Amino acid sequence: SEEFEVNGSIVLLYALSVLAFIIIIIAWINYINLSTAVADDKMKSIGVRKVIGASRTGLIMQVLTESAVFNALAVAIAIMLIHILFPFYADAVGMPMDYSALYNFKILAGLLGFIFFSALVAGSYPAITISAFNPIKSITSGINVEKKFTIRKTLVVFQFFSATALMIITVVVIHQLSFMRTKELGINIDKVIVVKALNFDKETWSDRQGGFVIDSAYQQKLDLFKRNLRADATFGNVTAISHVPGQLPNWGSEFKAPSIDPAKAYRLVAMGVDYDFLSTFKVKLLAGRNFSEDFRTYRGNEGKRAVLINETASKLLGFQTPSEAVHSQIATYWGADYEIIGVVNSFHQLSLKENLEPIYFILQPRALPYYAVTFKSEDVQHVVGQLQTAWKQHFPDYPFDYFFLDEFYNHQYQSDQKFSNIMGVFTGLAVFMACLGLFGLTSYAIVRRTKEIGIRKVLGATLRNVIGLFTRDFSSLILSANVLAVPLAYFGINRWLENYPYKIPLAWWHFAVPAVLLLTIALITIGLQTIKIALRNPVVSLRYE
């Protein structure tokens, strides 16, 4: 569990870094696009300054200084927002709230460096572009901003390319996580409460029996505990087990498989169970029989011990069918002999991020570390209360330490859930910022073409004609972004899915739905601005300066 948590945290950290960088690039593009778009309004004043002796270096420094001021204000606002939003973020990703790191000297120095770096990246192109204008043309006729439109188009395409790719990835991540959490596991984990036994002091080693034996008084208490729970209408079945689903068994043996390769060892992990394991967890018996008290010779640690194996282990050992494995003799490399009495279905002991484990089950109706209890009632508090009462009655010397098995099992997906949540938030932010930049460019384009719209309306242009005037160009850019984003997202998400042995098949809608949704949002963004000016009286538009 700790290993899953550490690995998940590293993946989450990398993902956050990449997503944050994409968001910053989109913000830079917004600044560059809007700075160059409104450059024409500044040209006359800049032209006058150049005529009276302003140097190009001075103009560049002016634009870069403005960029640095905007970045400094943005960082200040960001720090305030961190104090407001960090508790929600910490809760979403499961990290402690600690503001001290924010005011660490290295962090503050990094923020200062970021302000200057960001000002340089976002302000360089506008600064060079504006300072390069001919002063005479700037004063007399302004500049033709449309010459710079190709660059702005490219930047807009990159913005929506990033947003589309993130939306596709988010949709697939959410679908994959949902698939893993809802797929049939082959074992029941719903309505199962597990109590930690902590009873190893009741075990002693017996040289005569060649293994651990349990205190007989404790065994009687355990048997009575099980009977009383089964008699209670609140509960179903009870079983003792060495490793619950969600835990990797930490012990096993190397077995020979003569039918495949007599010289090779095949490792199977071991799980200790009692007679009620199959019925409690609803594990299917594919061939043979279950452990039974009618066959007492299989209870101890005799030289030839009965085992159950799962279907994965059966195939690994070279058996063609489960029935073929039944009554077969298998042996470890150090000489312990076993007889396979039954084969059960392979179930997911670990999450669907892992392959099925080859497992053999040995009968250990002794002090196993966990007691799994199924319950029928929907009243969880009542279930816990009843179980605690029964536990204290039979085992007053042991603490009542319990957990619900489905919650414990799904904890394996915690890092994936965090990743999904973060992807959703950052994707939403990327789409919002891309549309915000589109909103600004559309607003500026409308302002520049206000008189043109008035003339078109006087000449008979309809509302649809005016809206189409602006949506046509931007729609083609967004469609181009979608065309570029789909193959790259397909390649990236395929590589990501390769990490999962059980994964969803990629479908057309994983790509079509995000692309269409983003196009729709962009068209709404453009349409809201355009409708406002299209409904204006053309006389007012013609008077606009």
Protein backbone atom coordinates (compact mmCIF):
# COMPACT_ATOMS: atom_id res chain seq x y z
CA SER A 1 0.00 0.00 0.00
CA GLU A 2 2.80 2.39 0.87
CA GLU A 3 4.54 1.52 -2.41
CA PHE A 4 1.36 2.28 -4.35
CA GLU A 5 1.08 5.59 -2.51
CA VAL A 6 4.67 6.63 -3.21
CA ASN A 7 4.54 5.67 -6.88
CA GLY A 8 1.15 7.35 -7.24
CA SER A 9 2.48 10.55 -5.64
CA ILE A 10 5.43 10.68 -8.07
CA VAL A 11 3.13 10.20 -11.07
CA LEU A 12 0.79 12.85 -9.70
CA LEU A 13 3.70 15.28 -9.23
CA TYR A 14 4.88 14.80 -12.82
CA ALA A 15 1.33 15.16 -14.13
CA LEU A 16 0.81 18.38 -12.14
CA SER A 17 4.07 19.82 -13.47
CA VAL A 18 3.15 19.10 -17.10
CA LEU A 19 -0.40 20.41 -16.68
CA ALA A 20 0.78 23.57 -14.93
CA PHE A 21 3.27 24.23 -17.73
CA ILE A 22 0.55 23.83 -20.37
CA ILE A 23 -1.69 26.28 -18.48
CA ILE A 24 1.15 28.80 -18.30
CA ILE A 25 1.81 28.47 -22.05
CA ILE A 26 -1.89 29.11 -22.77
CA ALA A 27 -1.74 32.20 -20.53
CA TRP A 28 1.37 33.45 -22.34
CA ILE A 29 -0.36 32.98 -25.68
CA ASN A 30 -3.35 34.98 -24.47
CA TYR A 31 -1.06 37.81 -23.46
CA ILE A 32 0.88 37.74 -26.75
CA ASN A 33 -2.28 37.61 -28.87
CA LEU A 34 -4.05 40.42 -27.06
CA SER A 35 -0.90 42.56 -26.86
CA THR A 36 -0.32 42.37 -30.60
CA ALA A 37 -4.04 42.70 -31.34
CA VAL A 38 -4.33 46.06 -29.57
CA ALA A 39 -0.96 47.26 -30.86
CA ASP A 40 -2.63 49.37 -33.55
CA ASP A 41 -4.25 51.56 -30.88
CA LYS A 42 -0.78 52.43 -29.54
CA MET A 43 0.95 53.00 -32.85
CA LYS A 44 0.39 56.72 -33.16
CA SER A 45 1.71 57.46 -29.67
CA ILE A 46 4.69 55.14 -30.27
CA GLY A 47 5.29 56.76 -33.67
CA VAL A 48 5.39 60.22 -32.06
CA ARG A 49 7.83 58.98 -29.42
CA LYS A 50 10.14 57.49 -32.09
CA VAL A 51 10.05 60.71 -34.12
CA ILE A 52 11.10 62.81 -31.11
CA GLY A 53 14.01 60.47 -30.42
CA ALA A 54 12.81 57.42 -28.46
CA SER A 55 15.12 54.48 -29.10
CA ARG A 56 13.97 51.00 -30.04
CA THR A 57 15.63 49.62 -26.91
CA GLY A 58 13.61 52.03 -24.77
CA LEU A 59 10.36 50.94 -26.41
CA ILE A 60 11.24 47.26 -25.92
CA MET A 61 12.00 47.89 -22.24
CA GLN A 62 8.66 49.68 -21.85
CA VAL A 63 6.71 46.70 -23.19
CA LEU A 64 8.76 44.21 -21.16
CA THR A 65 8.23 46.32 -18.02
CA GLU A 66 4.47 46.27 -18.61
CA SER A 67 4.67 42.50 -19.02
CA ALA A 68 6.65 42.17 -15.77
CA VAL A 69 4.10 44.31 -13.89
CA PHE A 70 1.24 42.13 -15.15
CA ASN A 71 3.14 39.00 -14.13
CA ALA A 72 3.89 40.39 -10.67
CA LEU A 73 0.22 41.25 -10.17
CA ALA A 74 -0.73 37.76 -11.37
CA VAL A 75 1.66 36.13 -8.87
CA ALA A 76 0.28 38.31 -6.04
CA ILE A 77 -3.30 37.34 -6.92
CA ALA A 78 -2.22 33.69 -7.21
CA ILE A 79 -0.75 33.74 -3.69
CA MET A 80 -4.03 35.15 -2.34
CA LEU A 81 -6.01 32.49 -4.21
CA ILE A 82 -3.72 29.77 -2.81
CA HIS A 83 -4.74 30.74 0.72
CA ILE A 84 -8.40 30.56 -0.28
CA LEU A 85 -8.36 27.42 -2.46
CA PHE A 86 -5.53 25.35 -0.95
CA PRO A 87 -7.73 23.65 1.70
CA PHE A 88 -10.00 22.33 -1.07
CA TYR A 89 -7.01 21.24 -3.16
CA ALA A 90 -5.32 19.54 -0.19
CA ASP A 91 -8.51 17.65 0.56
CA ALA A 92 -8.89 16.57 -3.10
CA VAL A 93 -5.35 15.16 -3.40
CA GLY A 94 -5.00 14.00 0.20
CA MET A 95 -2.05 16.14 1.29
CA PRO A 96 -1.52 18.04 4.57
CA MET A 97 -2.20 21.75 4.66
CA ASP A 98 1.15 23.48 5.13
CA TYR A 99 1.57 27.07 4.00
CA SER A 100 5.12 27.38 5.32
CA ALA A 101 6.65 25.97 2.12
CA LEU A 102 5.09 28.84 0.17
CA TYR A 103 7.25 31.36 2.03
CA ASN A 104 10.44 29.37 1.82
CA PHE A 105 13.34 31.47 0.51
CA LYS A 106 13.90 29.17 -2.46
CA ILE A 107 10.23 29.29 -3.40
CA LEU A 108 10.12 33.10 -3.17
CA ALA A 109 13.32 33.35 -5.22
CA GLY A 110 11.81 30.98 -7.75
CA LEU A 111 8.66 33.11 -7.97
CA LEU A 112 10.76 36.22 -8.54
CA GLY A 113 12.71 34.42 -11.25
CA PHE A 114 9.45 33.23 -12.79
CA ILE A 115 8.14 36.80 -12.98
CA PHE A 116 11.15 37.93 -14.99
CA PHE A 117 11.24 34.80 -17.15
CA SER A 118 7.53 34.98 -17.87
CA ALA A 119 7.79 38.68 -18.68
CA LEU A 120 10.58 37.88 -21.13
CA VAL A 121 8.71 35.00 -22.80
CA ALA A 122 5.32 36.71 -23.02
CA GLY A 123 6.60 40.21 -23.71
CA SER A 124 9.44 39.62 -26.18
CA TYR A 125 7.38 39.11 -29.31
CA PRO A 126 5.00 42.07 -28.69
CA ALA A 127 7.99 44.25 -27.74
CA ILE A 128 9.96 43.43 -30.88
CA THR A 129 6.88 43.72 -33.08
CA ILE A 130 5.74 47.09 -31.73
CA SER A 131 9.21 48.65 -31.65
CA ALA A 132 9.88 47.63 -35.27
CA PHE A 133 7.04 49.71 -36.79
CA ASN A 134 7.88 52.55 -39.16
CA PRO A 135 7.16 55.79 -37.24
CA ILE A 136 5.82 57.70 -40.28
CA LYS A 137 3.36 54.95 -41.20
CA SER A 138 2.40 54.59 -37.56
CA ILE A 139 1.42 58.26 -37.35
CA THR A 140 -0.31 58.54 -40.72
CA SER A 141 -2.17 55.28 -41.14
CA GLY A 142 -1.37 53.01 -38.22
CA ILE A 143 -0.17 49.54 -39.04
CA ASN A 144 -1.76 46.60 -40.69
CA VAL A 145 -2.35 44.26 -37.78
CA GLU A 146 -3.68 41.63 -40.16
CA LYS A 147 -0.09 40.92 -41.20
CA LYS A 148 0.40 39.50 -37.74
CA PHE A 149 -2.82 37.50 -37.91
CA THR A 150 -1.10 34.38 -39.20
CA ILE A 151 1.03 34.18 -36.04
CA ARG A 152 -2.02 34.77 -33.86
CA LYS A 153 -3.86 32.04 -35.73
CA THR A 154 -1.01 29.64 -35.04
CA LEU A 155 -1.05 30.50 -31.36
CA VAL A 156 -4.84 30.06 -31.15
CA VAL A 157 -4.50 26.67 -32.84
CA PHE A 158 -1.90 25.64 -30.25
CA GLN A 159 -4.18 26.74 -27.41
CA PHE A 160 -7.12 24.69 -28.60
CA PHE A 161 -4.84 21.85 -29.60
CA SER A 162 -3.68 21.64 -25.96
CA ALA A 163 -7.23 22.00 -24.61
CA THR A 164 -8.60 19.30 -26.94
CA ALA A 165 -5.78 16.88 -26.11
CA LEU A 166 -6.33 17.42 -22.37
CA MET A 167 -10.08 16.87 -22.73
CA ILE A 168 -9.54 13.60 -24.63
CA ILE A 169 -7.02 12.37 -22.05
CA THR A 170 -9.36 13.32 -19.18
CA VAL A 171 -12.29 11.46 -20.73
CA VAL A 172 -10.19 8.31 -21.21
CA VAL A 173 -8.67 8.52 -17.70
CA ILE A 174 -12.12 8.84 -16.11
CA HIS A 175 -13.47 5.96 -18.21
CA GLN A 176 -10.49 3.72 -17.38
CA LEU A 177 -10.81 4.44 -13.66
CA SER A 178 -14.55 3.75 -13.78
CA PHE A 179 -13.86 0.50 -15.64
CA MET A 180 -11.34 -0.67 -13.03
CA ARG A 181 -13.63 0.15 -10.12
CA THR A 182 -16.73 -1.50 -11.58
CA LYS A 183 -15.29 -4.56 -13.37
CA GLU A 184 -16.21 -7.93 -11.91
CA LEU A 185 -13.34 -9.01 -9.63
CA GLY A 186 -14.20 -12.68 -9.37
CA ILE A 187 -14.51 -12.27 -5.59
CA ASN A 188 -17.08 -10.50 -3.45
CA ILE A 189 -15.88 -7.43 -1.53
CA ASP A 190 -19.25 -5.70 -1.04
CA LYS A 191 -20.86 -5.72 2.40
CA VAL A 192 -17.80 -7.32 3.96
CA ILE A 193 -16.35 -5.99 7.20
CA VAL A 194 -12.89 -7.16 8.27
CA VAL A 195 -11.65 -7.34 11.87
CA LYS A 196 -7.93 -7.47 12.61
CA ALA A 197 -7.38 -10.45 14.88
CA LEU A 198 -3.97 -9.56 16.43
CA ASN A 199 -3.93 -12.99 18.02
CA PHE A 200 -0.49 -14.37 17.20
CA ASP A 201 0.24 -14.85 20.90
CA LYS A 202 -2.17 -17.79 20.74
CA GLU A 203 0.12 -19.66 18.32
CA THR A 204 2.96 -21.90 19.42
CA TRP A 205 5.35 -24.08 17.46
CA SER A 206 4.94 -27.83 17.80
CA ASP A 207 7.87 -30.05 16.84
CA ARG A 208 5.64 -33.10 17.09
CA GLN A 209 3.10 -31.70 14.64
CA GLY A 210 5.73 -29.95 12.53
CA GLY A 211 4.04 -26.55 12.51
CA PHE A 212 2.19 -23.88 14.45
CA VAL A 213 -0.72 -24.93 16.62
CA ILE A 214 -3.29 -22.70 18.23
CA ASP A 215 -4.42 -22.60 21.82
CA SER A 216 -7.47 -24.89 22.03
CA ALA A 217 -9.40 -22.48 24.30
CA TYR A 218 -8.92 -19.68 21.81
CA GLN A 219 -10.03 -21.96 18.97
CA GLN A 220 -13.22 -22.76 20.84
CA LYS A 221 -13.88 -19.04 21.33
CA LEU A 222 -13.33 -18.47 17.62
CA ASP A 223 -15.71 -21.26 16.66
CA LEU A 224 -18.36 -19.89 19.04
CA PHE A 225 -17.81 -16.37 17.67
CA LYS A 226 -18.47 -17.62 14.14
CA ARG A 227 -21.58 -19.57 15.15
CA ASN A 228 -23.08 -16.64 17.03
CA LEU A 229 -22.54 -14.29 14.08
CA ARG A 230 -24.12 -16.74 11.63
CA ALA A 231 -27.12 -17.03 13.96
CA ASP A 232 -27.56 -13.23 13.92
CA ALA A 233 -29.83 -12.06 11.08
CA THR A 234 -27.56 -9.03 10.62
CA PHE A 235 -24.66 -11.14 9.37
CA GLY A 236 -24.08 -13.76 6.71
CA ASN A 237 -20.88 -15.76 6.84
CA VAL A 238 -17.52 -15.54 8.63
CA THR A 239 -14.07 -16.69 7.55
CA ALA A 240 -10.49 -16.39 8.73
CA ILE A 241 -7.91 -15.42 6.12
CA SER A 242 -4.23 -14.56 5.98
CA HIS A 243 -4.47 -11.82 3.32
CA VAL A 244 -7.60 -9.90 2.40
CA PRO A 245 -8.26 -8.71 -1.17
CA GLY A 246 -6.14 -5.63 -1.72
CA GLN A 247 -3.10 -7.19 -0.06
CA LEU A 248 -0.34 -9.03 -1.89
CA PRO A 249 0.50 -12.29 -0.07
CA ASN A 250 4.09 -11.96 1.11
CA TRP A 251 4.93 -15.64 1.17
CA GLY A 252 4.83 -18.53 -1.28
CA SER A 253 6.80 -21.40 -2.77
CA GLU A 254 8.73 -22.40 -5.86
CA PHE A 255 7.00 -25.36 -7.52
CA LYS A 256 8.16 -27.81 -10.15
CA ALA A 257 6.13 -28.28 -13.32
CA PRO A 258 7.45 -31.51 -14.96
CA SER A 259 4.97 -31.24 -17.84
CA ILE A 260 6.52 -27.92 -18.91
CA ASP A 261 10.13 -27.68 -17.77
CA PRO A 262 11.40 -29.93 -14.93
CA ALA A 263 14.42 -27.68 -14.41
CA LYS A 264 12.45 -24.48 -13.99
CA ALA A 265 10.80 -23.12 -10.85
CA TYR A 266 7.34 -21.58 -10.92
CA ARG A 267 6.53 -19.33 -8.01
CA LEU A 268 3.04 -19.38 -6.54
CA VAL A 269 1.99 -17.04 -3.75
CA ALA A 270 0.28 -18.64 -0.76
CA MET A 271 -2.83 -17.70 1.15
CA GLY A 272 -3.99 -19.26 4.38
CA VAL A 273 -7.76 -19.85 4.55
CA ASP A 274 -10.30 -21.80 6.53
CA TYR A 275 -13.26 -23.95 5.49
CA ASP A 276 -15.55 -20.95 4.82
CA PHE A 277 -13.34 -18.94 2.49
CA LEU A 278 -15.09 -19.88 -0.77
CA SER A 279 -18.64 -19.40 0.53
CA THR A 280 -17.87 -16.11 2.30
CA PHE A 281 -16.18 -14.45 -0.67
CA LYS A 282 -18.32 -16.24 -3.31
CA VAL A 283 -15.27 -17.68 -5.06
CA LYS A 284 -16.29 -20.27 -7.66
CA LEU A 285 -15.02 -23.83 -7.50
CA LEU A 286 -14.25 -24.80 -11.12
CA ALA A 287 -13.20 -28.40 -10.47
CA GLY A 288 -12.61 -30.75 -7.55
CA ARG A 289 -13.80 -29.95 -4.06
CA ASN A 290 -13.35 -27.49 -1.24
CA PHE A 291 -11.59 -28.13 2.06
CA SER A 292 -13.84 -30.19 4.29
CA GLU A 293 -13.81 -31.29 7.92
CA ASP A 294 -14.82 -34.73 6.65
CA PHE A 295 -11.20 -35.12 5.44
CA ARG A 296 -9.32 -34.53 8.67
CA THR A 297 -5.99 -35.66 7.23
CA TYR A 298 -5.82 -32.39 5.31
CA ARG A 299 -5.94 -30.21 8.42
CA GLY A 300 -2.42 -30.53 9.73
CA ASN A 301 1.08 -30.14 8.39
CA GLU A 302 1.49 -33.68 7.06
CA GLY A 303 4.01 -34.57 4.37
CA LYS A 304 1.36 -34.58 1.63
CA ARG A 305 -0.84 -31.60 2.18
CA ALA A 306 -4.04 -30.69 0.32
CA VAL A 307 -4.18 -27.37 -1.52
CA LEU A 308 -6.54 -25.43 -3.70
CA ILE A 309 -5.08 -23.46 -6.59
CA ASN A 310 -6.56 -20.78 -8.80
CA GLU A 311 -6.96 -21.12 -12.56
CA THR A 312 -3.93 -18.91 -13.24
CA ALA A 313 -1.72 -21.23 -11.19
CA SER A 314 -3.24 -24.24 -12.95
CA LYS A 315 -2.27 -22.88 -16.36
CA LEU A 316 1.17 -21.83 -15.13
CA LEU A 317 1.87 -25.38 -13.95
CA GLY A 318 0.96 -26.77 -17.38
CA PHE A 319 -2.55 -28.16 -16.83
CA GLN A 320 -4.81 -27.76 -19.85
CA THR A 321 -8.07 -27.70 -17.89
CA PRO A 322 -9.00 -27.26 -14.23
CA SER A 323 -10.27 -30.85 -14.10
CA GLU A 324 -6.87 -32.14 -15.24
CA ALA A 325 -5.22 -30.47 -12.24
CA VAL A 326 -7.45 -32.15 -9.64
CA HIS A 327 -5.69 -34.96 -7.68
CA SER A 328 -2.37 -34.05 -9.30
CA GLN A 329 0.72 -34.13 -7.10
CA ILE A 330 2.93 -31.04 -7.05
CA ALA A 331 6.13 -30.50 -5.11
CA THR A 332 8.33 -27.63 -4.05
CA TYR A 333 12.02 -27.51 -4.84
CA TRP A 334 12.87 -28.38 -1.25
CA GLY A 335 10.75 -31.54 -1.26
CA ALA A 336 7.36 -30.62 0.24
CA ASP A 337 4.61 -32.56 -1.51
CA TYR A 338 1.09 -31.28 -2.13
CA GLU A 339 -2.07 -32.68 -3.66
CA ILE A 340 -4.38 -30.39 -5.62
CA ILE A 341 -7.92 -31.10 -4.42
CA GLY A 342 -9.65 -28.28 -6.30
CA VAL A 343 -9.27 -25.36 -8.71
CA VAL A 344 -11.05 -22.05 -8.14
CA ASN A 345 -11.61 -19.12 -10.44
CA SER A 346 -8.83 -16.53 -10.67
CA PHE A 347 -9.90 -13.37 -8.87
CA HIS A 348 -8.23 -10.01 -8.59
CA GLN A 349 -6.42 -10.13 -5.27
CA LEU A 350 -4.89 -6.78 -6.20
CA SER A 351 -6.28 -3.96 -8.32
CA LEU A 352 -6.78 -4.20 -12.06
CA LYS A 353 -3.48 -2.37 -12.42
CA GLU A 354 -1.83 -5.73 -11.72
CA ASN A 355 -1.93 -9.08 -13.50
CA LEU A 356 -3.72 -12.02 -11.92
CA GLU A 357 -1.49 -13.74 -9.38
CA PRO A 358 -0.98 -17.54 -9.41
CA ILE A 359 -2.16 -18.49 -5.92
CA TYR A 360 -2.34 -21.69 -3.92
CA PHE A 361 -4.55 -21.89 -0.83
CA ILE A 362 -3.60 -23.89 2.21
CA LEU A 363 -5.97 -24.83 4.99
CA GLN A 364 -5.09 -23.02 8.21
CA PRO A 365 -8.11 -23.00 10.55
CA ARG A 366 -5.98 -21.38 13.23
CA ALA A 367 -5.06 -17.88 14.34
CA LEU A 368 -5.14 -16.09 11.00
CA PRO A 369 -4.72 -12.31 11.15
CA TYR A 370 -8.07 -11.29 9.66
CA TYR A 371 -11.69 -12.28 10.16
CA ALA A 372 -13.95 -11.33 7.25
CA VAL A 373 -17.65 -11.03 8.04
CA THR A 374 -20.40 -10.53 5.46
CA PHE A 375 -23.46 -8.55 6.53
CA LYS A 376 -26.99 -8.12 5.17
CA SER A 377 -28.24 -4.94 6.83
CA GLU A 378 -28.08 -1.55 5.12
CA ASP A 379 -27.64 0.14 8.50
CA VAL A 380 -23.85 0.27 8.71
CA GLN A 381 -23.76 1.75 12.21
CA HIS A 382 -25.97 -1.08 13.47
CA VAL A 383 -23.69 -3.64 11.80
CA VAL A 384 -20.58 -2.19 13.42
CA GLY A 385 -22.29 -1.98 16.81
CA GLN A 386 -23.48 -5.58 16.69
CA LEU A 387 -20.09 -6.85 15.57
CA GLN A 388 -18.27 -4.87 18.25
CA THR A 389 -20.57 -6.29 20.93
CA ALA A 390 -19.92 -9.86 19.74
CA TRP A 391 -16.18 -9.21 19.55
CA LYS A 392 -15.93 -7.81 23.07
CA GLN A 393 -17.98 -10.72 24.33
CA HIS A 394 -15.66 -13.36 22.90
CA PHE A 395 -12.29 -11.53 22.72
CA PRO A 396 -12.28 -8.90 25.46
CA ASP A 397 -8.46 -8.79 25.53
CA TYR A 398 -8.15 -7.66 21.89
CA PRO A 399 -9.00 -4.21 20.45
CA PHE A 400 -11.88 -4.00 17.97
CA ASP A 401 -10.00 -2.78 14.89
CA TYR A 402 -12.06 -3.06 11.72
CA PHE A 403 -12.39 -1.77 8.15
CA PHE A 404 -14.79 -2.21 5.26
CA LEU A 405 -13.28 -4.36 2.55
CA ASP A 406 -14.57 -2.41 -0.46
CA GLU A 407 -13.10 0.82 0.90
CA PHE A 408 -9.81 -0.90 1.68
CA TYR A 409 -9.64 -2.47 -1.80
CA ASN A 410 -10.50 0.76 -3.61
CA HIS A 411 -7.73 2.54 -1.71
CA GLN A 412 -5.45 1.05 -4.37
CA TYR A 413 -7.05 3.45 -6.85
CA GLN A 414 -6.50 6.50 -4.67
CA SER A 415 -3.61 7.87 -6.72
CA ASP A 416 -5.57 7.24 -9.94
CA GLN A 417 -8.58 9.06 -8.49
CA LYS A 418 -6.39 12.01 -7.51
CA PHE A 419 -4.91 12.06 -11.01
CA SER A 420 -8.41 12.00 -12.51
CA ASN A 421 -9.59 14.87 -10.27
CA ILE A 422 -6.54 16.98 -11.06
CA MET A 423 -6.87 16.28 -14.80
CA GLY A 424 -10.50 17.40 -14.67
CA VAL A 425 -9.69 20.66 -12.87
CA PHE A 426 -6.71 21.55 -15.07
CA THR A 427 -8.54 20.62 -18.26
CA GLY A 428 -11.44 22.84 -17.26
CA LEU A 429 -8.97 25.65 -16.52
CA ALA A 430 -7.22 25.15 -19.88
CA VAL A 431 -10.54 25.27 -21.77
CA PHE A 432 -11.61 28.35 -19.81
CA MET A 433 -8.36 30.19 -20.52
CA ALA A 434 -8.39 29.24 -24.20
CA CYS A 435 -11.97 30.50 -24.50
CA LEU A 436 -11.05 33.60 -22.52
CA GLY A 437 -8.35 34.41 -25.07
CA LEU A 438 -10.81 33.68 -27.88
CA PHE A 439 -13.32 35.96 -26.19
CA GLY A 440 -10.75 38.77 -26.10
CA LEU A 441 -9.73 38.33 -29.74
CA THR A 442 -13.37 38.20 -30.84
CA SER A 443 -14.19 41.33 -28.85
CA TYR A 444 -11.28 43.18 -30.42
CA ALA A 445 -12.18 41.98 -33.91
CA ILE A 446 -15.76 43.17 -33.39
CA VAL A 447 -14.58 46.59 -32.23
CA ARG A 448 -12.37 46.95 -35.33
CA ARG A 449 -15.16 45.89 -37.68
CA THR A 450 -18.07 47.72 -36.05
CA LYS A 451 -18.58 50.06 -39.02
CA GLU A 452 -18.24 47.16 -41.45
CA ILE A 453 -21.01 45.32 -39.57
CA GLY A 454 -23.21 48.42 -39.74
CA ILE A 455 -22.67 48.72 -43.51
CA ARG A 456 -23.40 45.02 -44.03
CA LYS A 457 -26.65 45.31 -42.07
CA VAL A 458 -27.71 48.35 -44.07
CA LEU A 459 -27.06 46.33 -47.25
CA GLY A 460 -29.29 43.52 -45.96
CA ALA A 461 -27.02 41.18 -43.95
CA THR A 462 -28.97 38.94 -41.56
CA LEU A 463 -28.07 37.96 -38.01
CA ARG A 464 -26.78 34.62 -39.33
CA ASN A 465 -24.56 36.43 -41.87
CA VAL A 466 -22.99 38.61 -39.17
CA ILE A 467 -22.41 35.69 -36.80
CA GLY A 468 -20.92 33.63 -39.63
CA LEU A 469 -18.54 36.50 -40.42
CA PHE A 470 -16.70 35.84 -37.14
CA THR A 471 -17.34 32.16 -36.48
CA ARG A 472 -16.08 31.01 -39.88
CA ASP A 473 -12.44 31.90 -39.33
CA PHE A 474 -12.26 30.83 -35.70
CA SER A 475 -14.14 27.58 -36.36
CA SER A 476 -11.58 26.57 -38.98
CA LEU A 477 -8.80 27.21 -36.44
CA ILE A 478 -10.47 25.09 -33.79
CA LEU A 479 -11.16 22.30 -36.27
CA SER A 480 -7.50 22.40 -37.29
CA ALA A 481 -6.53 22.14 -33.62
CA ASN A 482 -8.82 19.10 -33.23
CA VAL A 483 -7.32 17.40 -36.28
CA LEU A 484 -3.83 17.84 -34.83
CA ALA A 485 -4.80 16.92 -31.26
CA VAL A 486 -6.62 13.65 -31.97
CA PRO A 487 -3.66 11.60 -33.33
CA LEU A 488 -1.26 12.91 -30.69
CA ALA A 489 -3.77 12.25 -27.89
CA TYR A 490 -4.39 8.77 -29.34
CA PHE A 491 -0.67 8.00 -29.26
CA GLY A 492 -0.19 9.37 -25.73
CA ILE A 493 -3.26 7.71 -24.22
CA ASN A 494 -2.34 4.38 -25.84
CA ARG A 495 1.08 4.56 -24.21
CA TRP A 496 -0.57 5.34 -20.86
CA LEU A 497 -3.03 2.46 -21.19
CA GLU A 498 -0.15 0.06 -21.83
CA ASN A 499 0.59 0.31 -18.09
CA TYR A 500 -2.69 -1.48 -17.36
CA PRO A 501 -3.13 -5.19 -18.09
CA TYR A 502 -6.91 -4.65 -17.98
CA LYS A 503 -7.93 -1.61 -19.96
CA ILE A 504 -10.77 -0.13 -21.93
CA PRO A 505 -10.76 -0.32 -25.74
CA LEU A 506 -10.45 3.12 -27.27
CA ALA A 507 -13.63 4.13 -29.11
CA TRP A 508 -14.43 6.91 -31.56
CA TRP A 509 -16.48 8.80 -28.98
CA HIS A 510 -13.43 9.19 -26.70
CA PHE A 511 -12.15 11.63 -29.34
CA ALA A 512 -15.32 12.94 -31.00
CA VAL A 513 -17.14 14.02 -27.83
CA PRO A 514 -14.32 16.24 -26.45
CA ALA A 515 -13.65 17.74 -29.89
CA VAL A 516 -17.33 18.55 -30.54
CA LEU A 517 -17.82 19.81 -26.98
CA LEU A 518 -14.85 22.17 -27.22
CA LEU A 519 -15.99 23.45 -30.63
CA THR A 520 -19.46 24.06 -29.20
CA ILE A 521 -18.06 25.99 -26.21
CA ALA A 522 -15.88 28.08 -28.53
CA LEU A 523 -18.80 28.86 -30.86
CA ILE A 524 -20.94 29.89 -27.90
CA THR A 525 -18.10 32.15 -26.73
CA ILE A 526 -17.91 33.81 -30.16
CA GLY A 527 -21.68 33.85 -30.68
CA LEU A 528 -22.48 35.66 -27.43
CA GLN A 529 -20.17 38.51 -28.42
CA THR A 530 -21.31 38.61 -32.03
CA ILE A 531 -25.05 38.56 -31.33
CA LYS A 532 -24.70 41.64 -29.16
CA ILE A 533 -23.19 43.73 -31.97
CA ALA A 534 -25.37 42.12 -34.67
CA LEU A 535 -28.55 43.23 -32.89
CA ARG A 536 -27.32 46.81 -32.53
CA ASN A 537 -28.93 49.53 -34.63
CA PRO A 538 -26.73 49.91 -37.76
CA VAL A 539 -26.93 53.71 -37.40
CA VAL A 540 -25.13 53.44 -34.05
CA SER A 541 -22.50 51.18 -35.61
CA LEU A 542 -21.87 53.61 -38.48
CA ARG A 543 -21.29 56.45 -36.01
CA TYR A 544 -18.74 54.38 -34.07
CA GLU A 545 -15.18 55.77 -34.08
